């Protein structure tokens, strides 16, 4: 089922056009991502974007598990191994809109 309602942080709206947001919403389904292992249910999910440099990843979450926001990821080298670690300084925008945002269907 295509997502028709999302929580979308202002920072995401500033970085992505409405056309891009509609395309992202058309390709995300409530069953695709669950941060806590529980179903996303009937409430509007939160859209989060992980920015890993040249690549972006959009995910759906419960608003209470991982709020809508633009998360900057960085690589941390530990000996010979490299792993992704969420940048603690990068927090999602606190200017998120309190009401569900309607996303146009294509």
PDB file of N, CA and C in Angstrom:
ATOM      1  N   UNK A   1       0.842  -1.181   0.000  1.00  0.00           N
ATOM      2  CA  UNK A   1       0.000   0.000   0.000  1.00  0.00           C
ATOM      3  C   UNK A   1       0.889   1.248   0.000  1.00  0.00           C
ATOM      4  N   UNK A   2       0.682   2.119  -0.967  1.00  0.00           N
ATOM      5  CA  UNK A   2       1.449   3.355  -1.067  1.00  0.00           C
ATOM      6  C   UNK A   2       1.079   4.290   0.076  1.00  0.00           C
ATOM      7  N   UNK A   3       2.061   5.008   0.577  1.00  0.00           N
ATOM      8  CA  UNK A   3       1.851   5.930   1.692  1.00  0.00           C
ATOM      9  C   UNK A   3       1.216   7.215   1.169  1.00  0.00           C
ATOM     10  N   UNK A   4       0.142   7.668   1.815  1.00  0.00           N
ATOM     11  CA  UNK A   4      -0.522   8.908   1.407  1.00  0.00           C
ATOM     12  C   UNK A   4      -0.365  10.008   2.443  1.00  0.00           C
ATOM     13  N   UNK A   5      -0.041   9.657   3.684  1.00  0.00           N
ATOM     14  CA  UNK A   5       0.184  10.639   4.746  1.00  0.00           C
ATOM     15  C   UNK A   5       1.510  10.351   5.422  1.00  0.00           C
ATOM     16  N   UNK A   6       2.293  11.398   5.676  1.00  0.00           N
ATOM     17  CA  UNK A   6       3.598  11.261   6.323  1.00  0.00           C
ATOM     18  C   UNK A   6       3.848  12.437   7.254  1.00  0.00           C
ATOM     19  N   UNK A   7       4.610  12.183   8.314  1.00  0.00           N
ATOM     20  CA  UNK A   7       5.234  13.276   9.046  1.00  0.00           C
ATOM     21  C   UNK A   7       6.499  13.606   8.259  1.00  0.00           C
ATOM     22  N   UNK A   8       6.677  14.868   7.901  1.00  0.00           N
ATOM     23  CA  UNK A   8       7.861  15.266   7.144  1.00  0.00           C
ATOM     24  C   UNK A   8       8.484  16.485   7.810  1.00  0.00           C
ATOM     25  N   UNK A   9       9.721  16.346   8.269  1.00  0.00           N
ATOM     26  CA  UNK A   9      10.436  17.449   8.922  1.00  0.00           C
ATOM     27  C   UNK A   9      10.682  18.574   7.928  1.00  0.00           C
ATOM     28  N   UNK A  10      10.712  19.803   8.423  1.00  0.00           N
ATOM     29  CA  UNK A  10      10.958  20.972   7.571  1.00  0.00           C
ATOM     30  C   UNK A  10      12.287  20.864   6.828  1.00  0.00           C
ATOM     31  N   UNK A  11      13.305  20.293   7.470  1.00  0.00           N
ATOM     32  CA  UNK A  11      14.610  20.170   6.808  1.00  0.00           C
ATOM     33  C   UNK A  11      14.515  19.295   5.555  1.00  0.00           C
ATOM     34  N   UNK A  12      13.721  18.253   5.616  1.00  0.00           N
ATOM     35  CA  UNK A  12      13.526  17.402   4.445  1.00  0.00           C
ATOM     36  C   UNK A  12      12.814  18.200   3.354  1.00  0.00           C
ATOM     37  N   UNK A  13      11.795  18.959   3.737  1.00  0.00           N
ATOM     38  CA  UNK A  13      11.058  19.776   2.765  1.00  0.00           C
ATOM     39  C   UNK A  13      11.959  20.822   2.112  1.00  0.00           C
ATOM     40  N   UNK A  14      12.926  21.336   2.860  1.00  0.00           N
ATOM     41  CA  UNK A  14      13.858  22.330   2.304  1.00  0.00           C
ATOM     42  C   UNK A  14      14.827  21.699   1.307  1.00  0.00           C
ATOM     43  N   UNK A  15      15.171  20.447   1.524  1.00  0.00           N
ATOM     44  CA  UNK A  15      16.188  19.791   0.689  1.00  0.00           C
ATOM     45  C   UNK A  15      15.610  19.039  -0.504  1.00  0.00           C
ATOM     46  N   UNK A  16      14.372  18.592  -0.400  1.00  0.00           N
ATOM     47  CA  UNK A  16      13.758  17.814  -1.478  1.00  0.00           C
ATOM     48  C   UNK A  16      12.540  18.539  -2.023  1.00  0.00           C
ATOM     49  N   UNK A  17      12.383  18.542  -3.331  1.00  0.00           N
ATOM     50  CA  UNK A  17      11.226  19.188  -3.959  1.00  0.00           C
ATOM     51  C   UNK A  17       9.955  18.384  -3.680  1.00  0.00           C
ATOM     52  N   UNK A  18       8.815  19.012  -3.893  1.00  0.00           N
ATOM     53  CA  UNK A  18       7.544  18.307  -3.716  1.00  0.00           C
ATOM     54  C   UNK A  18       7.444  17.128  -4.693  1.00  0.00           C
ATOM     55  N   UNK A  19       7.972  17.300  -5.897  1.00  0.00           N
ATOM     56  CA  UNK A  19       7.974  16.217  -6.877  1.00  0.00           C
ATOM     57  C   UNK A  19       8.798  15.028  -6.379  1.00  0.00           C
ATOM     58  N   UNK A  20       9.957  15.308  -5.799  1.00  0.00           N
ATOM     59  CA  UNK A  20      10.807  14.241  -5.268  1.00  0.00           C
ATOM     60  C   UNK A  20      10.138  13.569  -4.080  1.00  0.00           C
ATOM     61  N   UNK A  21       9.513  14.346  -3.204  1.00  0.00           N
ATOM     62  CA  UNK A  21       8.802  13.763  -2.061  1.00  0.00           C
ATOM     63  C   UNK A  21       7.670  12.853  -2.521  1.00  0.00           C
ATOM     64  N   UNK A  22       6.947  13.272  -3.553  1.00  0.00           N
ATOM     65  CA  UNK A  22       5.864  12.432  -4.084  1.00  0.00           C
ATOM     66  C   UNK A  22       6.420  11.134  -4.654  1.00  0.00           C
ATOM     67  N   UNK A  23       7.571  11.214  -5.337  1.00  0.00           N
ATOM     68  CA  UNK A  23       8.192  10.010  -5.889  1.00  0.00           C
ATOM     69  C   UNK A  23       8.665   9.071  -4.782  1.00  0.00           C
ATOM     70  N   UNK A  24       9.268   9.644  -3.738  1.00  0.00           N
ATOM     71  CA  UNK A  24       9.716   8.835  -2.598  1.00  0.00           C
ATOM     72  C   UNK A  24       8.516   8.141  -1.961  1.00  0.00           C
ATOM     73  N   UNK A  25       7.448   8.894  -1.719  1.00  0.00           N
ATOM     74  CA  UNK A  25       6.256   8.321  -1.081  1.00  0.00           C
ATOM     75  C   UNK A  25       5.644   7.220  -1.937  1.00  0.00           C
ATOM     76  N   UNK A  26       5.721   7.362  -3.256  1.00  0.00           N
ATOM     77  CA  UNK A  26       5.157   6.350  -4.149  1.00  0.00           C
ATOM     78  C   UNK A  26       5.924   5.028  -4.078  1.00  0.00           C
ATOM     79  N   UNK A  27       7.192   5.085  -3.645  1.00  0.00           N
ATOM     80  CA  UNK A  27       8.014   3.878  -3.592  1.00  0.00           C
ATOM     81  C   UNK A  27       8.178   3.302  -2.179  1.00  0.00           C
ATOM     82  N   UNK A  28       7.628   3.966  -1.182  1.00  0.00           N
ATOM     83  CA  UNK A  28       7.709   3.458   0.183  1.00  0.00           C
ATOM     84  C   UNK A  28       6.374   2.861   0.603  1.00  0.00           C
ATOM     85  N   UNK A  29       6.457   1.754   1.299  1.00  0.00           N
ATOM     86  CA  UNK A  29       5.261   1.075   1.784  1.00  0.00           C
ATOM     87  C   UNK A  29       5.416   0.845   3.281  1.00  0.00           C
ATOM     88  N   UNK A  30       4.329   0.880   4.005  1.00  0.00           N
ATOM     89  CA  UNK A  30       4.386   0.770   5.459  1.00  0.00           C
ATOM     90  C   UNK A  30       5.057  -0.510   5.929  1.00  0.00           C
ATOM     91  N   UNK A  31       5.086  -1.529   5.149  1.00  0.00           N
ATOM     92  CA  UNK A  31       5.723  -2.781   5.582  1.00  0.00           C
ATOM     93  C   UNK A  31       7.233  -2.780   5.365  1.00  0.00           C
ATOM     94  N   UNK A  32       7.765  -1.777   4.665  1.00  0.00           N
ATOM     95  CA  UNK A  32       9.162  -1.794   4.266  1.00  0.00           C
ATOM     96  C   UNK A  32      10.156  -1.579   5.396  1.00  0.00           C
ATOM     97  N   UNK A  33       9.814  -0.810   6.439  1.00  0.00           N
ATOM     98  CA  UNK A  33      10.804  -0.499   7.461  1.00  0.00           C
ATOM     99  C   UNK A  33      10.135  -0.363   8.819  1.00  0.00           C
ATOM    100  N   UNK A  34      10.667  -1.046   9.803  1.00  0.00           N
ATOM    101  CA  UNK A  34      10.131  -0.994  11.161  1.00  0.00           C
ATOM    102  C   UNK A  34      11.299  -0.919  12.124  1.00  0.00           C
ATOM    103  N   UNK A  35      11.457   0.189  12.808  1.00  0.00           N
ATOM    104  CA  UNK A  35      12.585   0.357  13.725  1.00  0.00           C
ATOM    105  C   UNK A  35      12.476  -0.503  14.973  1.00  0.00           C
ATOM    106  N   UNK A  36      11.276  -0.710  15.452  1.00  0.00           N
ATOM    107  CA  UNK A  36      11.119  -1.438  16.714  1.00  0.00           C
ATOM    108  C   UNK A  36      10.591  -2.855  16.520  1.00  0.00           C
ATOM    109  N   UNK A  37      10.332  -3.257  15.295  1.00  0.00           N
ATOM    110  CA  UNK A  37       9.816  -4.586  15.028  1.00  0.00           C
ATOM    111  C   UNK A  37       8.307  -4.675  15.092  1.00  0.00           C
ATOM    112  N   UNK A  38       7.639  -3.583  15.443  1.00  0.00           N
ATOM    113  CA  UNK A  38       6.179  -3.565  15.501  1.00  0.00           C
ATOM    114  C   UNK A  38       5.639  -2.993  14.195  1.00  0.00           C
ATOM    115  N   UNK A  39       4.444  -3.394  13.809  1.00  0.00           N
ATOM    116  CA  UNK A  39       3.855  -2.852  12.583  1.00  0.00           C
ATOM    117  C   UNK A  39       3.685  -1.334  12.695  1.00  0.00           C
ATOM    118  N   UNK A  40       3.767  -0.666  11.569  1.00  0.00           N
ATOM    119  CA  UNK A  40       3.592   0.788  11.581  1.00  0.00           C
ATOM    120  C   UNK A  40       2.145   1.183  11.848  1.00  0.00           C
ATOM    121  N   UNK A  41       1.198   0.330  11.570  1.00  0.00           N
ATOM    122  CA  UNK A  41      -0.190   0.574  11.925  1.00  0.00           C
ATOM    123  C   UNK A  41      -0.884   1.605  11.062  1.00  0.00           C
ATOM    124  N   UNK A  42      -1.975   2.178  11.607  1.00  0.00           N
ATOM    125  CA  UNK A  42      -2.817   3.095  10.845  1.00  0.00           C
ATOM    126  C   UNK A  42      -2.369   4.545  10.929  1.00  0.00           C
ATOM    127  N   UNK A  43      -1.526   4.885  11.895  1.00  0.00           N
ATOM    128  CA  UNK A  43      -1.071   6.270  12.032  1.00  0.00           C
ATOM    129  C   UNK A  43      -0.069   6.609  10.936  1.00  0.00           C
ATOM    130  N   UNK A  44       0.030   7.901  10.617  1.00  0.00           N
ATOM    131  CA  UNK A  44       0.984   8.344   9.598  1.00  0.00           C
ATOM    132  C   UNK A  44       2.401   8.060  10.070  1.00  0.00           C
ATOM    133  N   UNK A  45       3.224   7.436   9.236  1.00  0.00           N
ATOM    134  CA  UNK A  45       4.618   7.186   9.606  1.00  0.00           C
ATOM    135  C   UNK A  45       5.460   8.451   9.439  1.00  0.00           C
ATOM    136  N   UNK A  46       6.642   8.437  10.049  1.00  0.00           N
ATOM    137  CA  UNK A  46       7.598   9.537   9.935  1.00  0.00           C
ATOM    138  C   UNK A  46       8.610   9.187   8.849  1.00  0.00           C
ATOM    139  N   UNK A  47       8.876  10.146   7.971  1.00  0.00           N
ATOM    140  CA  UNK A  47       9.878   9.956   6.934  1.00  0.00           C
ATOM    141  C   UNK A  47      11.225  10.428   7.460  1.00  0.00           C
ATOM    142  N   UNK A  48      12.224   9.555   7.390  1.00  0.00           N
ATOM    143  CA  UNK A  48      13.577   9.957   7.759  1.00  0.00           C
ATOM    144  C   UNK A  48      14.490   9.706   6.565  1.00  0.00           C
ATOM    145  N   UNK A  49      15.498  10.554   6.444  1.00  0.00           N
ATOM    146  CA  UNK A  49      16.461  10.432   5.355  1.00  0.00           C
ATOM    147  C   UNK A  49      17.849  10.297   5.963  1.00  0.00           C
ATOM    148  N   UNK A  50      18.549   9.225   5.617  1.00  0.00           N
ATOM    149  CA  UNK A  50      19.939   9.050   6.026  1.00  0.00           C
ATOM    150  C   UNK A  50      20.820   9.550   4.892  1.00  0.00           C
ATOM    151  N   UNK A  51      21.672  10.519   5.195  1.00  0.00           N
ATOM    152  CA  UNK A  51      22.577  11.125   4.223  1.00  0.00           C
ATOM    153  C   UNK A  51      23.968  10.556   4.467  1.00  0.00           C
ATOM    154  N   UNK A  52      24.400   9.674   3.576  1.00  0.00           N
ATOM    155  CA  UNK A  52      25.715   9.037   3.705  1.00  0.00           C
ATOM    156  C   UNK A  52      26.647   9.540   2.616  1.00  0.00           C
ATOM    157  N   UNK A  53      26.687  10.855   2.437  1.00  0.00           N
ATOM    158  CA  UNK A  53      27.555  11.425   1.410  1.00  0.00           C
ATOM    159  C   UNK A  53      26.889  11.376   0.057  1.00  0.00           C
ATOM    160  N   UNK A  54      27.382  10.520  -0.841  1.00  0.00           N
ATOM    161  CA  UNK A  54      26.797  10.498  -2.182  1.00  0.00           C
ATOM    162  C   UNK A  54      25.471   9.735  -2.254  1.00  0.00           C
ATOM    163  N   UNK A  55      25.082   9.033  -1.181  1.00  0.00           N
ATOM    164  CA  UNK A  55      23.875   8.221  -1.206  1.00  0.00           C
ATOM    165  C   UNK A  55      22.898   8.687  -0.134  1.00  0.00           C
ATOM    166  N   UNK A  56      21.600   8.645  -0.479  1.00  0.00           N
ATOM    167  CA  UNK A  56      20.531   8.942   0.469  1.00  0.00           C
ATOM    168  C   UNK A  56      19.663   7.704   0.610  1.00  0.00           C
ATOM    169  N   UNK A  57      19.134   7.505   1.798  1.00  0.00           N
ATOM    170  CA  UNK A  57      18.236   6.393   2.048  1.00  0.00           C
ATOM    171  C   UNK A  57      17.010   6.936   2.777  1.00  0.00           C
ATOM    172  N   UNK A  58      15.833   6.706   2.223  1.00  0.00           N
ATOM    173  CA  UNK A  58      14.583   7.161   2.839  1.00  0.00           C
ATOM    174  C   UNK A  58      13.907   5.980   3.516  1.00  0.00           C
ATOM    175  N   UNK A  59      13.408   6.208   4.743  1.00  0.00           N
ATOM    176  CA  UNK A  59      12.787   5.142   5.522  1.00  0.00           C
ATOM    177  C   UNK A  59      11.534   5.639   6.230  1.00  0.00           C
ATOM    178  N   UNK A  60      10.664   4.705   6.541  1.00  0.00           N
ATOM    179  CA  UNK A  60       9.477   5.002   7.332  1.00  0.00           C
ATOM    180  C   UNK A  60       9.673   4.468   8.731  1.00  0.00           C
ATOM    181  N   UNK A  61       9.232   5.245   9.714  1.00  0.00           N
ATOM    182  CA  UNK A  61       9.385   4.875  11.127  1.00  0.00           C
ATOM    183  C   UNK A  61       8.164   5.324  11.916  1.00  0.00           C
ATOM    184  N   UNK A  62       8.025   4.786  13.125  1.00  0.00           N
ATOM    185  CA  UNK A  62       7.079   5.395  14.059  1.00  0.00           C
ATOM    186  C   UNK A  62       7.676   6.744  14.449  1.00  0.00           C
ATOM    187  N   UNK A  63       6.854   7.762  14.561  1.00  0.00           N
ATOM    188  CA  UNK A  63       7.332   9.084  14.948  1.00  0.00           C
ATOM    189  C   UNK A  63       8.005   9.026  16.317  1.00  0.00           C
ATOM    190  N   UNK A  64       7.539   8.172  17.203  1.00  0.00           N
ATOM    191  CA  UNK A  64       8.114   8.069  18.552  1.00  0.00           C
ATOM    192  C   UNK A  64       9.427   7.272  18.576  1.00  0.00           C
ATOM    193  N   UNK A  65       9.664   6.409  17.583  1.00  0.00           N
ATOM    194  CA  UNK A  65      10.899   5.615  17.539  1.00  0.00           C
ATOM    195  C   UNK A  65      12.046   6.390  16.893  1.00  0.00           C
ATOM    196  N   UNK A  66      11.781   7.000  15.775  1.00  0.00           N
ATOM    197  CA  UNK A  66      12.793   7.787  15.059  1.00  0.00           C
ATOM    198  C   UNK A  66      12.064   8.921  14.355  1.00  0.00           C
ATOM    199  N   UNK A  67      12.099  10.106  14.929  1.00  0.00           N
ATOM    200  CA  UNK A  67      11.352  11.231  14.365  1.00  0.00           C
ATOM    201  C   UNK A  67      11.784  11.561  12.944  1.00  0.00           C
ATOM    202  N   UNK A  68      10.876  12.149  12.212  1.00  0.00           N
ATOM    203  CA  UNK A  68      11.193  12.599  10.869  1.00  0.00           C
ATOM    204  C   UNK A  68      12.358  13.567  10.936  1.00  0.00           C
ATOM    205  N   UNK A  69      13.336  13.382  10.058  1.00  0.00           N
ATOM    206  CA  UNK A  69      14.497  14.265  10.049  1.00  0.00           C
ATOM    207  C   UNK A  69      15.503  13.842   9.007  1.00  0.00           C
ATOM    208  N   UNK A  70      16.475  14.705   8.796  1.00  0.00           N
ATOM    209  CA  UNK A  70      17.586  14.464   7.876  1.00  0.00           C
ATOM    210  C   UNK A  70      18.781  14.089   8.730  1.00  0.00           C
ATOM    211  N   UNK A  71      19.213  12.845   8.671  1.00  0.00           N
ATOM    212  CA  UNK A  71      20.281  12.335   9.520  1.00  0.00           C
ATOM    213  C   UNK A  71      21.575  12.219   8.711  1.00  0.00           C
ATOM    214  N   UNK A  72      22.619  12.870   9.181  1.00  0.00           N
ATOM    215  CA  UNK A  72      23.923  12.799   8.515  1.00  0.00           C
ATOM    216  C   UNK A  72      24.694  11.610   9.081  1.00  0.00           C
ATOM    217  N   UNK A  73      25.137  10.728   8.209  1.00  0.00           N
ATOM    218  CA  UNK A  73      25.921   9.560   8.613  1.00  0.00           C
ATOM    219  C   UNK A  73      27.358   9.802   8.189  1.00  0.00           C
ATOM    220  N   UNK A  74      28.267   9.207   8.919  1.00  0.00           N
ATOM    221  CA  UNK A  74      29.680   9.319   8.539  1.00  0.00           C
ATOM    222  C   UNK A  74      30.331   7.974   8.753  1.00  0.00           C
ATOM    223  N   UNK A  75      31.411   7.745   8.067  1.00  0.00           N
ATOM    224  CA  UNK A  75      32.157   6.503   8.236  1.00  0.00           C
ATOM    225  C   UNK A  75      33.203   6.716   9.310  1.00  0.00           C
ATOM    226  N   UNK A  76      33.356   5.727  10.165  1.00  0.00           N
ATOM    227  CA  UNK A  76      34.348   5.783  11.232  1.00  0.00           C
ATOM    228  C   UNK A  76      35.298   4.611  11.029  1.00  0.00           C
ATOM    229  N   UNK A  77      36.574   4.891  10.906  1.00  0.00           N
ATOM    230  CA  UNK A  77      37.564   3.835  10.726  1.00  0.00           C
ATOM    231  C   UNK A  77      38.024   3.347  12.089  1.00  0.00           C
ATOM    232  N   UNK A  78      37.999   2.043  12.261  1.00  0.00           N
ATOM    233  CA  UNK A  78      38.453   1.433  13.518  1.00  0.00           C
ATOM    234  C   UNK A  78      39.410   0.309  13.139  1.00  0.00           C
ATOM    235  N   UNK A  79      40.698   0.592  13.156  1.00  0.00           N
ATOM    236  CA  UNK A  79      41.674  -0.399  12.715  1.00  0.00           C
ATOM    237  C   UNK A  79      41.501  -0.627  11.229  1.00  0.00           C
ATOM    238  N   UNK A  80      41.316  -1.869  10.817  1.00  0.00           N
ATOM    239  CA  UNK A  80      41.124  -2.191   9.406  1.00  0.00           C
ATOM    240  C   UNK A  80      39.646  -2.180   9.022  1.00  0.00           C
ATOM    241  N   UNK A  81      38.779  -2.038   9.986  1.00  0.00           N
ATOM    242  CA  UNK A  81      37.350  -2.130   9.716  1.00  0.00           C
ATOM    243  C   UNK A  81      36.742  -0.736   9.634  1.00  0.00           C
ATOM    244  N   UNK A  82      35.768  -0.583   8.760  1.00  0.00           N
ATOM    245  CA  UNK A  82      35.036   0.673   8.637  1.00  0.00           C
ATOM    246  C   UNK A  82      33.564   0.369   8.883  1.00  0.00           C
ATOM    247  N   UNK A  83      32.941   1.188   9.652  1.00  0.00           N
ATOM    248  CA  UNK A  83      31.518   0.993   9.900  1.00  0.00           C
ATOM    249  C   UNK A  83      30.833   2.343   9.884  1.00  0.00           C
ATOM    250  N   UNK A  84      29.562   2.341   9.561  1.00  0.00           N
ATOM    251  CA  UNK A  84      28.787   3.575   9.579  1.00  0.00           C
ATOM    252  C   UNK A  84      28.332   3.851  10.997  1.00  0.00           C
ATOM    253  N   UNK A  85      28.401   5.098  11.360  1.00  0.00           N
ATOM    254  CA  UNK A  85      27.958   5.505  12.684  1.00  0.00           C
ATOM    255  C   UNK A  85      27.172   6.783  12.528  1.00  0.00           C
ATOM    256  N   UNK A  86      26.031   6.838  13.162  1.00  0.00           N
ATOM    257  CA  UNK A  86      25.237   8.052  13.071  1.00  0.00           C
ATOM    258  C   UNK A  86      25.951   9.168  13.806  1.00  0.00           C
ATOM    259  N   UNK A  87      26.101  10.290  13.151  1.00  0.00           N
ATOM    260  CA  UNK A  87      26.775  11.446  13.731  1.00  0.00           C
ATOM    261  C   UNK A  87      25.917  11.972  14.887  1.00  0.00           C
ATOM    262  N   UNK A  88      26.448  11.890  16.086  1.00  0.00           N
ATOM    263  CA  UNK A  88      25.696  12.309  17.268  1.00  0.00           C
ATOM    264  C   UNK A  88      25.326  13.779  17.211  1.00  0.00           C
ATOM    265  N   UNK A  89      26.122  14.574  16.513  1.00  0.00           N
ATOM    266  CA  UNK A  89      25.837  16.003  16.418  1.00  0.00           C
ATOM    267  C   UNK A  89      24.684  16.285  15.461  1.00  0.00           C
ATOM    268  N   UNK A  90      24.379  15.357  14.597  1.00  0.00           N
ATOM    269  CA  UNK A  90      23.318  15.571  13.608  1.00  0.00           C
ATOM    270  C   UNK A  90      22.000  15.069  14.158  1.00  0.00           C
ATOM    271  N   UNK A  91      21.191  15.948  14.605  1.00  0.00           N
ATOM    272  CA  UNK A  91      19.877  15.612  15.109  1.00  0.00           C
ATOM    273  C   UNK A  91      18.839  16.051  14.087  1.00  0.00           C
ATOM    274  N   UNK A  92      17.691  15.411  14.055  1.00  0.00           N
ATOM    275  CA  UNK A  92      16.663  15.822  13.107  1.00  0.00           C
ATOM    276  C   UNK A  92      16.184  17.230  13.426  1.00  0.00           C
ATOM    277  N   UNK A  93      15.627  17.860  12.433  1.00  0.00           N
ATOM    278  CA  UNK A  93      15.109  19.215  12.598  1.00  0.00           C
ATOM    279  C   UNK A  93      14.032  19.232  13.670  1.00  0.00           C
ATOM    280  N   UNK A  94      14.076  20.197  14.553  1.00  0.00           N
ATOM    281  CA  UNK A  94      13.059  20.316  15.601  1.00  0.00           C
ATOM    282  C   UNK A  94      11.858  21.116  15.107  1.00  0.00           C
ATOM    283  N   UNK A  95      11.908  21.567  13.850  1.00  0.00           N
ATOM    284  CA  UNK A  95      10.827  22.370  13.307  1.00  0.00           C
ATOM    285  C   UNK A  95       9.848  21.503  12.528  1.00  0.00           C
ATOM    286  N   UNK A  96       9.671  20.305  12.965  1.00  0.00           N
ATOM    287  CA  UNK A  96       8.810  19.399  12.249  1.00  0.00           C
ATOM    288  C   UNK A  96       7.365  19.834  12.444  1.00  0.00           C
ATOM    289  N   UNK A  97       6.574  19.602  11.436  1.00  0.00           N
ATOM    290  CA  UNK A  97       5.183  20.021  11.476  1.00  0.00           C
ATOM    291  C   UNK A  97       4.385  19.041  12.320  1.00  0.00           C
ATOM    292  N   UNK A  98       3.545  19.543  13.223  1.00  0.00           N
ATOM    293  CA  UNK A  98       2.830  18.660  14.132  1.00  0.00           C
ATOM    294  C   UNK A  98       1.723  17.837  13.482  1.00  0.00           C
ATOM    295  N   UNK A  99       1.145  18.317  12.396  1.00  0.00           N
ATOM    296  CA  UNK A  99       0.058  17.592  11.755  1.00  0.00           C
ATOM    297  C   UNK A  99       0.583  16.781  10.586  1.00  0.00           C
ATOM    298  N   UNK A 100      -0.158  15.764  10.244  1.00  0.00           N
ATOM    299  CA  UNK A 100       0.240  14.907   9.115  1.00  0.00           C
ATOM    300  C   UNK A 100       0.323  15.737   7.859  1.00  0.00           C
ATOM    301  N   UNK A 101       1.308  15.451   7.061  1.00  0.00           N
ATOM    302  CA  UNK A 101       1.483  16.137   5.792  1.00  0.00           C
ATOM    303  C   UNK A 101       0.901  15.254   4.699  1.00  0.00           C
ATOM    304  N   UNK A 102       0.108  15.846   3.839  1.00  0.00           N
ATOM    305  CA  UNK A 102      -0.450  15.108   2.721  1.00  0.00           C
ATOM    306  C   UNK A 102       0.595  15.045   1.622  1.00  0.00           C
ATOM    307  N   UNK A 103       0.794  13.893   1.059  1.00  0.00           N
ATOM    308  CA  UNK A 103       1.729  13.706  -0.041  1.00  0.00           C
ATOM    309  C   UNK A 103       0.904  13.342  -1.263  1.00  0.00           C
ATOM    310  N   UNK A 104       1.084  14.084  -2.324  1.00  0.00           N
ATOM    311  CA  UNK A 104       0.305  13.857  -3.548  1.00  0.00           C
ATOM    312  C   UNK A 104       0.622  12.498  -4.126  1.00  0.00           C
ATOM    313  N   UNK A 105      -0.414  11.806  -4.530  1.00  0.00           N
ATOM    314  CA  UNK A 105      -0.220  10.514  -5.205  1.00  0.00           C
ATOM    315  C   UNK A 105       0.092  10.780  -6.654  1.00  0.00           C
ATOM    316  N   UNK A 106       0.889   9.932  -7.237  1.00  0.00           N
ATOM    317  CA  UNK A 106       1.195  10.046  -8.676  1.00  0.00           C
ATOM    318  C   UNK A 106       0.250   9.192  -9.451  1.00  0.00           C
TER     319      UNK A 106
END
